[in-house]
Amino acid sequence: MASKELEAALAAARAASEVIRAHYRKSPGVRFKTDASPVTEADLRSEEVIRATLSERFPGYGFYGEETGQHAMGAENVWLVDPIDGTKAFVREIPFFSTQIALMRAGGLVLGVSSAPVYGELAWAEEGGGAYLNDRPIRVSGVTALAAAAISTGNLKSLAASPRWQRFGGLVGAVGYVRGYGDFLHYHLLARGALEAVIESNVNILDIAALTVIVRAAGGTFTDLEGRAVGLATTSVLASNGHVHEAVLAALTP
């Protein structure tokens, strides 16, 4: 049975999806933030409806949004929200973007909703419960051999400039096959058992907080590329079915 918090997060994701669908393929005006990342009216309006929905039901909770920043971060419960993770794809009319909503309680991630309305997938999970994709329970794969593993990558630019790049090349030769599904998609694939590992660099917590909960609830393991737990300062990802995690981590460690 879903908690009131999960019900609120799902309602917020549905409200955001209506805004996103209304703006998709409508030649959205784009401006660039100080970090050179794009933002559109759809980003701003979808975050507004998410925040309004969550604040109405849980007025005492903190809120950390991609577009509106941090509010009441000292609260025990804080919503972490990226209204459109993948704005570059949204602008170019590529359906690989999503709304990410997570809840952090006392510093730990306990709830995640990943909504990709144009692609047609909605995943969610709560700590201590299972993970679901389009209303069906999902589970990571049981593959244990690196040679049989499928891995997916994203945001590799910073990895290419690091000492890990050569080791990544060795890993590519050791696994079954490699793809670059990116964004929300490869985490959904991992959680439903279609991949064994995801490797990313140059991410932030709003990109991955909800997906961390979903992958873990599906039986997987989610750390950064140093093997550390996910937190507000996390900038890289190694997510896996758990069985191949240590082998991939060892292969990438300089």
C-alpha atoms as a PDB file:
ATOM      1  CA  MET A   1       0.000   0.000   0.000  1.00  0.00           C
ATOM      2  CA  ALA A   2       1.425   3.374  -1.040  1.00  0.00           C
ATOM      3  CA  SER A   3       2.232   5.919   1.638  1.00  0.00           C
ATOM      4  CA  LYS A   4       0.664   9.382   1.606  1.00  0.00           C
ATOM      5  CA  GLU A   5       4.071  10.698   0.561  1.00  0.00           C
ATOM      6  CA  LEU A   6       4.244   8.383  -2.437  1.00  0.00           C
ATOM      7  CA  GLU A   7       0.687   9.300  -3.394  1.00  0.00           C
ATOM      8  CA  ALA A   8       1.698  12.969  -3.291  1.00  0.00           C
ATOM      9  CA  ALA A   9       4.822  12.373  -5.384  1.00  0.00           C
ATOM     10  CA  LEU A  10       2.831  10.454  -7.997  1.00  0.00           C
ATOM     11  CA  ALA A  11       0.202  13.202  -8.094  1.00  0.00           C
ATOM     12  CA  ALA A  12       2.936  15.803  -8.561  1.00  0.00           C
ATOM     13  CA  ALA A  13       4.483  13.772 -11.384  1.00  0.00           C
ATOM     14  CA  ARG A  14       1.094  13.497 -13.108  1.00  0.00           C
ATOM     15  CA  ALA A  15       0.558  17.251 -12.812  1.00  0.00           C
ATOM     16  CA  ALA A  16       4.007  17.891 -14.271  1.00  0.00           C
ATOM     17  CA  SER A  17       3.346  15.507 -17.152  1.00  0.00           C
ATOM     18  CA  GLU A  18       0.364  17.596 -18.228  1.00  0.00           C
ATOM     19  CA  VAL A  19       2.534  20.706 -18.385  1.00  0.00           C
ATOM     20  CA  ILE A  20       5.309  18.883 -20.220  1.00  0.00           C
ATOM     21  CA  ARG A  21       2.984  17.366 -22.820  1.00  0.00           C
ATOM     22  CA  ALA A  22       1.442  20.793 -23.459  1.00  0.00           C
ATOM     23  CA  HIS A  23       4.870  22.267 -24.255  1.00  0.00           C
ATOM     24  CA  TYR A  24       6.553  19.349 -26.032  1.00  0.00           C
ATOM     25  CA  ARG A  25       7.191  19.955 -29.739  1.00  0.00           C
ATOM     26  CA  LYS A  26       5.904  23.518 -29.437  1.00  0.00           C
ATOM     27  CA  SER A  27       9.265  25.193 -30.177  1.00  0.00           C
ATOM     28  CA  PRO A  28       9.931  26.181 -26.555  1.00  0.00           C
ATOM     29  CA  GLY A  29      11.958  29.288 -25.919  1.00  0.00           C
ATOM     30  CA  VAL A  30      15.315  28.391 -24.406  1.00  0.00           C
ATOM     31  CA  ARG A  31      17.584  30.422 -22.166  1.00  0.00           C
ATOM     32  CA  PHE A  32      20.802  29.306 -20.522  1.00  0.00           C
ATOM     33  CA  LYS A  33      21.657  29.272 -16.845  1.00  0.00           C
ATOM     34  CA  THR A  34      25.011  30.292 -15.403  1.00  0.00           C
ATOM     35  CA  ASP A  35      26.296  26.719 -15.783  1.00  0.00           C
ATOM     36  CA  ALA A  36      25.360  26.834 -19.524  1.00  0.00           C
ATOM     37  CA  SER A  37      22.571  24.294 -19.092  1.00  0.00           C
ATOM     38  CA  PRO A  38      19.299  25.091 -20.913  1.00  0.00           C
ATOM     39  CA  VAL A  39      15.997  25.914 -19.252  1.00  0.00           C
ATOM     40  CA  THR A  40      12.565  26.364 -20.815  1.00  0.00           C
ATOM     41  CA  GLU A  41       9.122  27.527 -19.728  1.00  0.00           C
ATOM     42  CA  ALA A  42       8.194  23.858 -19.386  1.00  0.00           C
ATOM     43  CA  ASP A  43      10.956  23.343 -16.788  1.00  0.00           C
ATOM     44  CA  LEU A  44       9.794  26.310 -14.760  1.00  0.00           C
ATOM     45  CA  ARG A  45       6.063  25.613 -14.947  1.00  0.00           C
ATOM     46  CA  SER A  46       6.398  21.898 -14.228  1.00  0.00           C
ATOM     47  CA  GLU A  47       8.511  22.604 -11.142  1.00  0.00           C
ATOM     48  CA  GLU A  48       5.891  25.110 -10.001  1.00  0.00           C
ATOM     49  CA  VAL A  49       3.089  22.529 -10.136  1.00  0.00           C
ATOM     50  CA  ILE A  50       5.242  19.882  -8.477  1.00  0.00           C
ATOM     51  CA  ARG A  51       6.146  22.197  -5.621  1.00  0.00           C
ATOM     52  CA  ALA A  52       2.560  23.375  -5.212  1.00  0.00           C
ATOM     53  CA  THR A  53       1.270  19.798  -5.090  1.00  0.00           C
ATOM     54  CA  LEU A  54       3.850  18.614  -2.574  1.00  0.00           C
ATOM     55  CA  SER A  55       3.700  21.732  -0.392  1.00  0.00           C
ATOM     56  CA  GLU A  56      -0.070  21.586  -0.136  1.00  0.00           C
ATOM     57  CA  ARG A  57       0.063  18.050   1.264  1.00  0.00           C
ATOM     58  CA  PHE A  58       3.291  18.361   3.267  1.00  0.00           C
ATOM     59  CA  PRO A  59       3.807  22.050   4.129  1.00  0.00           C
ATOM     60  CA  GLY A  60       6.580  21.381   6.645  1.00  0.00           C
ATOM     61  CA  TYR A  61       8.874  19.555   4.228  1.00  0.00           C
ATOM     62  CA  GLY A  62      11.939  21.129   2.641  1.00  0.00           C
ATOM     63  CA  PHE A  63      12.288  21.447  -1.114  1.00  0.00           C
ATOM     64  CA  TYR A  64      15.322  21.309  -3.403  1.00  0.00           C
ATOM     65  CA  GLY A  65      14.413  21.991  -7.009  1.00  0.00           C
ATOM     66  CA  GLU A  66      16.551  22.195 -10.122  1.00  0.00           C
ATOM     67  CA  GLU A  67      15.002  25.536 -11.053  1.00  0.00           C
ATOM     68  CA  THR A  68      14.056  27.141  -7.730  1.00  0.00           C
ATOM     69  CA  GLY A  69      16.932  25.970  -5.551  1.00  0.00           C
ATOM     70  CA  GLN A  70      17.023  24.961  -1.896  1.00  0.00           C
ATOM     71  CA  HIS A  71      14.350  25.782   0.666  1.00  0.00           C
ATOM     72  CA  ALA A  72      14.235  24.654   4.319  1.00  0.00           C
ATOM     73  CA  MET A  73      17.043  22.166   3.786  1.00  0.00           C
ATOM     74  CA  GLY A  74      17.330  21.764   7.561  1.00  0.00           C
ATOM     75  CA  ALA A  75      13.974  19.984   7.681  1.00  0.00           C
ATOM     76  CA  GLU A  76      13.995  16.281   8.467  1.00  0.00           C
ATOM     77  CA  ASN A  77      12.145  15.595   5.214  1.00  0.00           C
ATOM     78  CA  VAL A  78      13.246  17.233   1.955  1.00  0.00           C
ATOM     79  CA  TRP A  79      11.834  16.749  -1.556  1.00  0.00           C
ATOM     80  CA  LEU A  80      14.472  16.552  -4.303  1.00  0.00           C
ATOM     81  CA  VAL A  81      13.049  17.503  -7.704  1.00  0.00           C
ATOM     82  CA  ASP A  82      14.241  17.788 -11.284  1.00  0.00           C
ATOM     83  CA  PRO A  83      11.133  18.729 -13.290  1.00  0.00           C
ATOM     84  CA  ILE A  84      12.713  17.867 -16.645  1.00  0.00           C
ATOM     85  CA  ASP A  85      15.869  15.823 -16.400  1.00  0.00           C
ATOM     86  CA  GLY A  86      17.074  15.935 -19.996  1.00  0.00           C
ATOM     87  CA  THR A  87      16.071  19.430 -21.096  1.00  0.00           C
ATOM     88  CA  LYS A  88      18.477  19.204 -24.054  1.00  0.00           C
ATOM     89  CA  ALA A  89      16.555  16.171 -25.310  1.00  0.00           C
ATOM     90  CA  PHE A  90      13.228  17.907 -24.624  1.00  0.00           C
ATOM     91  CA  VAL A  91      14.268  20.924 -26.698  1.00  0.00           C
ATOM     92  CA  ARG A  92      15.390  18.747 -29.597  1.00  0.00           C
ATOM     93  CA  GLU A  93      12.158  16.725 -29.469  1.00  0.00           C
ATOM     94  CA  ILE A  94      13.851  13.515 -28.350  1.00  0.00           C
ATOM     95  CA  PRO A  95      11.623  11.613 -25.894  1.00  0.00           C
ATOM     96  CA  PHE A  96      14.411  10.647 -23.477  1.00  0.00           C
ATOM     97  CA  PHE A  97      13.648  13.084 -20.677  1.00  0.00           C
ATOM     98  CA  SER A  98      11.845  12.615 -17.376  1.00  0.00           C
ATOM     99  CA  THR A  99      10.548  14.136 -14.174  1.00  0.00           C
ATOM    100  CA  GLN A 100      12.469  13.025 -11.088  1.00  0.00           C
ATOM    101  CA  ILE A 101      10.963  13.329  -7.600  1.00  0.00           C
ATOM    102  CA  ALA A 102      12.637  11.880  -4.507  1.00  0.00           C
ATOM    103  CA  LEU A 103      12.224  12.217  -0.767  1.00  0.00           C
ATOM    104  CA  MET A 104      15.202  12.417   1.578  1.00  0.00           C
ATOM    105  CA  ARG A 105      14.472  11.726   5.237  1.00  0.00           C
ATOM    106  CA  ALA A 106      17.139  12.402   7.860  1.00  0.00           C
ATOM    107  CA  GLY A 107      19.764  12.342   5.122  1.00  0.00           C
ATOM    108  CA  GLY A 108      18.655   9.060   3.546  1.00  0.00           C
ATOM    109  CA  LEU A 109      16.747   8.561   0.307  1.00  0.00           C
ATOM    110  CA  VAL A 110      13.451   6.801   1.023  1.00  0.00           C
ATOM    111  CA  LEU A 111      11.144   7.378  -1.965  1.00  0.00           C
ATOM    112  CA  GLY A 112      11.536   7.872  -5.704  1.00  0.00           C
ATOM    113  CA  VAL A 113       9.303   8.565  -8.696  1.00  0.00           C
ATOM    114  CA  SER A 114      10.692   8.627 -12.246  1.00  0.00           C
ATOM    115  CA  SER A 115       8.144   9.770 -14.827  1.00  0.00           C
ATOM    116  CA  ALA A 116       8.846   9.813 -18.573  1.00  0.00           C
ATOM    117  CA  PRO A 117       5.471  10.875 -19.969  1.00  0.00           C
ATOM    118  CA  VAL A 118       6.345  11.056 -23.668  1.00  0.00           C
ATOM    119  CA  TYR A 119       8.378   7.838 -23.623  1.00  0.00           C
ATOM    120  CA  GLY A 120       5.570   6.181 -21.702  1.00  0.00           C
ATOM    121  CA  GLU A 121       7.195   4.896 -18.510  1.00  0.00           C
ATOM    122  CA  LEU A 122       6.474   5.623 -14.866  1.00  0.00           C
ATOM    123  CA  ALA A 123       8.635   3.975 -12.212  1.00  0.00           C
ATOM    124  CA  TRP A 124       8.433   4.343  -8.448  1.00  0.00           C
ATOM    125  CA  ALA A 125       9.590   2.785  -5.207  1.00  0.00           C
ATOM    126  CA  GLU A 126       9.729   3.287  -1.466  1.00  0.00           C
ATOM    127  CA  GLU A 127      12.407   2.102   0.929  1.00  0.00           C
ATOM    128  CA  GLY A 128      11.432  -1.260   2.331  1.00  0.00           C
ATOM    129  CA  GLY A 129       9.027  -2.008  -0.512  1.00  0.00           C
ATOM    130  CA  GLY A 130       9.388  -3.220  -4.063  1.00  0.00           C
ATOM    131  CA  ALA A 131       9.977  -1.257  -7.244  1.00  0.00           C
ATOM    132  CA  TYR A 132       7.325  -0.805  -9.924  1.00  0.00           C
ATOM    133  CA  LEU A 133       7.288   0.153 -13.587  1.00  0.00           C
ATOM    134  CA  ASN A 134       3.941   1.003 -15.188  1.00  0.00           C
ATOM    135  CA  ASP A 135       2.141  -0.708 -12.271  1.00  0.00           C
ATOM    136  CA  ARG A 136       4.130  -3.943 -12.560  1.00  0.00           C
ATOM    137  CA  PRO A 137       6.708  -5.110  -9.997  1.00  0.00           C
ATOM    138  CA  ILE A 138      10.255  -5.191 -11.338  1.00  0.00           C
ATOM    139  CA  ARG A 139      13.489  -6.844 -10.274  1.00  0.00           C
ATOM    140  CA  VAL A 140      17.133  -6.657 -11.333  1.00  0.00           C
ATOM    141  CA  SER A 141      18.702  -9.541 -13.244  1.00  0.00           C
ATOM    142  CA  GLY A 142      20.516 -12.507 -11.764  1.00  0.00           C
ATOM    143  CA  VAL A 143      23.502 -12.299 -14.130  1.00  0.00           C
ATOM    144  CA  THR A 144      26.736 -12.823 -12.207  1.00  0.00           C
ATOM    145  CA  ALA A 145      29.459 -13.101 -14.863  1.00  0.00           C
ATOM    146  CA  LEU A 146      31.050  -9.916 -16.166  1.00  0.00           C
ATOM    147  CA  ALA A 147      31.479 -11.574 -19.572  1.00  0.00           C
ATOM    148  CA  ALA A 148      27.697 -11.947 -19.822  1.00  0.00           C
ATOM    149  CA  ALA A 149      26.852  -8.495 -18.481  1.00  0.00           C
ATOM    150  CA  ALA A 150      25.277  -5.677 -20.460  1.00  0.00           C
ATOM    151  CA  ILE A 151      26.312  -2.199 -19.347  1.00  0.00           C
ATOM    152  CA  SER A 152      25.047   1.243 -20.324  1.00  0.00           C
ATOM    153  CA  THR A 153      26.837   4.561 -20.076  1.00  0.00           C
ATOM    154  CA  GLY A 154      26.031   8.259 -19.980  1.00  0.00           C
ATOM    155  CA  ASN A 155      27.695  11.631 -19.347  1.00  0.00           C
ATOM    156  CA  LEU A 156      31.128  10.233 -20.157  1.00  0.00           C
ATOM    157  CA  LYS A 157      32.879  13.499 -21.027  1.00  0.00           C
ATOM    158  CA  SER A 158      34.432  13.961 -17.592  1.00  0.00           C
ATOM    159  CA  LEU A 159      35.292  10.257 -17.396  1.00  0.00           C
ATOM    160  CA  ALA A 160      37.159  10.612 -20.706  1.00  0.00           C
ATOM    161  CA  ALA A 161      39.343  13.291 -19.127  1.00  0.00           C
ATOM    162  CA  SER A 162      40.154  11.162 -16.065  1.00  0.00           C
ATOM    163  CA  PRO A 163      42.629   8.364 -15.260  1.00  0.00           C
ATOM    164  CA  ARG A 164      39.684   5.935 -15.409  1.00  0.00           C
ATOM    165  CA  TRP A 165      39.275   6.300 -19.178  1.00  0.00           C
ATOM    166  CA  GLN A 166      41.871   3.705 -20.119  1.00  0.00           C
ATOM    167  CA  ARG A 167      40.460   1.317 -17.526  1.00  0.00           C
ATOM    168  CA  PHE A 168      36.980   1.904 -18.922  1.00  0.00           C
ATOM    169  CA  GLY A 169      38.296   0.746 -22.285  1.00  0.00           C
ATOM    170  CA  GLY A 170      39.468  -2.469 -20.651  1.00  0.00           C
ATOM    171  CA  LEU A 171      36.052  -2.953 -19.055  1.00  0.00           C
ATOM    172  CA  VAL A 172      34.345  -2.532 -22.426  1.00  0.00           C
ATOM    173  CA  GLY A 173      36.382  -5.451 -23.738  1.00  0.00           C
ATOM    174  CA  ALA A 174      35.522  -7.619 -20.743  1.00  0.00           C
ATOM    175  CA  VAL A 175      31.721  -7.339 -20.680  1.00  0.00           C
ATOM    176  CA  GLY A 176      29.058  -8.868 -22.891  1.00  0.00           C
ATOM    177  CA  TYR A 177      28.117  -5.641 -24.627  1.00  0.00           C
ATOM    178  CA  VAL A 178      27.905  -1.892 -24.097  1.00  0.00           C
ATOM    179  CA  ARG A 179      25.228   0.622 -25.003  1.00  0.00           C
ATOM    180  CA  GLY A 180      24.610   4.258 -24.116  1.00  0.00           C
ATOM    181  CA  TYR A 181      20.904   4.493 -23.327  1.00  0.00           C
ATOM    182  CA  GLY A 182      21.456   7.377 -20.920  1.00  0.00           C
ATOM    183  CA  ASP A 183      19.225   9.501 -18.702  1.00  0.00           C
ATOM    184  CA  PHE A 184      16.332   7.765 -16.906  1.00  0.00           C
ATOM    185  CA  LEU A 185      16.130   4.960 -19.443  1.00  0.00           C
ATOM    186  CA  HIS A 186      19.129   2.858 -18.502  1.00  0.00           C
ATOM    187  CA  TYR A 187      18.131   2.925 -14.831  1.00  0.00           C
ATOM    188  CA  HIS A 188      14.647   1.691 -15.708  1.00  0.00           C
ATOM    189  CA  LEU A 189      16.240  -1.042 -17.839  1.00  0.00           C
ATOM    190  CA  LEU A 190      18.578  -1.996 -15.000  1.00  0.00           C
ATOM    191  CA  ALA A 191      15.761  -2.126 -12.464  1.00  0.00           C
ATOM    192  CA  ARG A 192      13.661  -4.407 -14.676  1.00  0.00           C
ATOM    193  CA  GLY A 193      16.523  -6.807 -15.374  1.00  0.00           C
ATOM    194  CA  ALA A 194      17.433  -5.804 -18.933  1.00  0.00           C
ATOM    195  CA  LEU A 195      20.915  -4.490 -18.010  1.00  0.00           C
ATOM    196  CA  GLU A 196      23.492  -5.358 -15.379  1.00  0.00           C
ATOM    197  CA  ALA A 197      25.262  -2.037 -14.787  1.00  0.00           C
ATOM    198  CA  VAL A 198      25.089   1.714 -15.452  1.00  0.00           C
ATOM    199  CA  ILE A 199      28.132   3.992 -15.440  1.00  0.00           C
ATOM    200  CA  GLU A 200      27.857   7.790 -15.419  1.00  0.00           C
ATOM    201  CA  SER A 201      29.995  10.782 -14.584  1.00  0.00           C
ATOM    202  CA  ASN A 202      29.104  14.468 -14.270  1.00  0.00           C
ATOM    203  CA  VAL A 203      25.701  14.042 -12.628  1.00  0.00           C
ATOM    204  CA  ASN A 204      24.083  15.735  -9.653  1.00  0.00           C
ATOM    205  CA  ILE A 205      21.842  14.407  -6.922  1.00  0.00           C
ATOM    206  CA  LEU A 206      18.635  15.700  -8.523  1.00  0.00           C
ATOM    207  CA  ASP A 207      19.364  13.578 -11.607  1.00  0.00           C
ATOM    208  CA  ILE A 208      19.715  10.340  -9.668  1.00  0.00           C
ATOM    209  CA  ALA A 209      18.017  10.537  -6.253  1.00  0.00           C
ATOM    210  CA  ALA A 210      14.720   8.934  -7.297  1.00  0.00           C
ATOM    211  CA  LEU A 211      16.498   6.397  -9.503  1.00  0.00           C
ATOM    212  CA  THR A 212      18.717   5.391  -6.569  1.00  0.00           C
ATOM    213  CA  VAL A 213      15.646   4.392  -4.563  1.00  0.00           C
ATOM    214  CA  ILE A 214      14.097   2.544  -7.508  1.00  0.00           C
ATOM    215  CA  VAL A 215      17.209   0.531  -8.348  1.00  0.00           C
ATOM    216  CA  ARG A 216      17.807  -0.408  -4.721  1.00  0.00           C
ATOM    217  CA  ALA A 217      14.173  -1.413  -4.199  1.00  0.00           C
ATOM    218  CA  ALA A 218      14.475  -3.628  -7.284  1.00  0.00           C
ATOM    219  CA  GLY A 219      17.354  -5.463  -5.597  1.00  0.00           C
ATOM    220  CA  GLY A 220      20.256  -3.536  -7.098  1.00  0.00           C
ATOM    221  CA  THR A 221      23.237  -1.602  -5.754  1.00  0.00           C
ATOM    222  CA  PHE A 222      23.809   2.110  -6.298  1.00  0.00           C
ATOM    223  CA  THR A 223      27.046   3.958  -5.429  1.00  0.00           C
ATOM    224  CA  ASP A 224      29.349   6.504  -6.997  1.00  0.00           C
ATOM    225  CA  LEU A 225      32.418   5.455  -8.996  1.00  0.00           C
ATOM    226  CA  GLU A 226      34.449   5.389  -5.779  1.00  0.00           C
ATOM    227  CA  GLY A 227      32.025   2.910  -4.236  1.00  0.00           C
ATOM    228  CA  ARG A 228      30.647   5.526  -1.836  1.00  0.00           C
ATOM    229  CA  ALA A 229      27.022   5.909  -0.801  1.00  0.00           C
ATOM    230  CA  VAL A 230      24.863   8.383  -2.716  1.00  0.00           C
ATOM    231  CA  GLY A 231      24.444  11.791  -1.079  1.00  0.00           C
ATOM    232  CA  LEU A 232      23.815  15.441  -1.901  1.00  0.00           C
ATOM    233  CA  ALA A 233      27.375  15.856  -3.209  1.00  0.00           C
ATOM    234  CA  THR A 234      27.421  12.765  -5.470  1.00  0.00           C
ATOM    235  CA  THR A 235      28.678  13.475  -9.022  1.00  0.00           C
ATOM    236  CA  SER A 236      29.172   9.996 -10.528  1.00  0.00           C
ATOM    237  CA  VAL A 237      27.327   6.681 -10.632  1.00  0.00           C
ATOM    238  CA  LEU A 238      27.927   2.977 -10.633  1.00  0.00           C
ATOM    239  CA  ALA A 239      24.541   1.266 -10.431  1.00  0.00           C
ATOM    240  CA  SER A 240      24.226  -2.476 -10.895  1.00  0.00           C
ATOM    241  CA  ASN A 241      22.253  -5.623 -10.242  1.00  0.00           C
ATOM    242  CA  GLY A 242      24.538  -6.115  -7.237  1.00  0.00           C
ATOM    243  CA  HIS A 243      26.149  -9.299  -8.567  1.00  0.00           C
ATOM    244  CA  VAL A 244      28.645  -7.528 -10.844  1.00  0.00           C
ATOM    245  CA  HIS A 245      29.112  -4.383  -8.780  1.00  0.00           C
ATOM    246  CA  GLU A 246      32.460  -5.175  -7.184  1.00  0.00           C
ATOM    247  CA  ALA A 247      33.913  -6.514 -10.443  1.00  0.00           C
ATOM    248  CA  VAL A 248      32.956  -3.362 -12.355  1.00  0.00           C
ATOM    249  CA  LEU A 249      34.199  -1.144  -9.518  1.00  0.00           C
ATOM    250  CA  ALA A 250      37.530  -2.980  -9.434  1.00  0.00           C
ATOM    251  CA  ALA A 251      37.881  -2.737 -13.209  1.00  0.00           C
ATOM    252  CA  LEU A 252      37.426   1.041 -13.107  1.00  0.00           C
ATOM    253  CA  THR A 253      39.588   1.802 -10.071  1.00  0.00           C
ATOM    254  CA  PRO A 254      42.939   3.359 -11.108  1.00  0.00           C
END
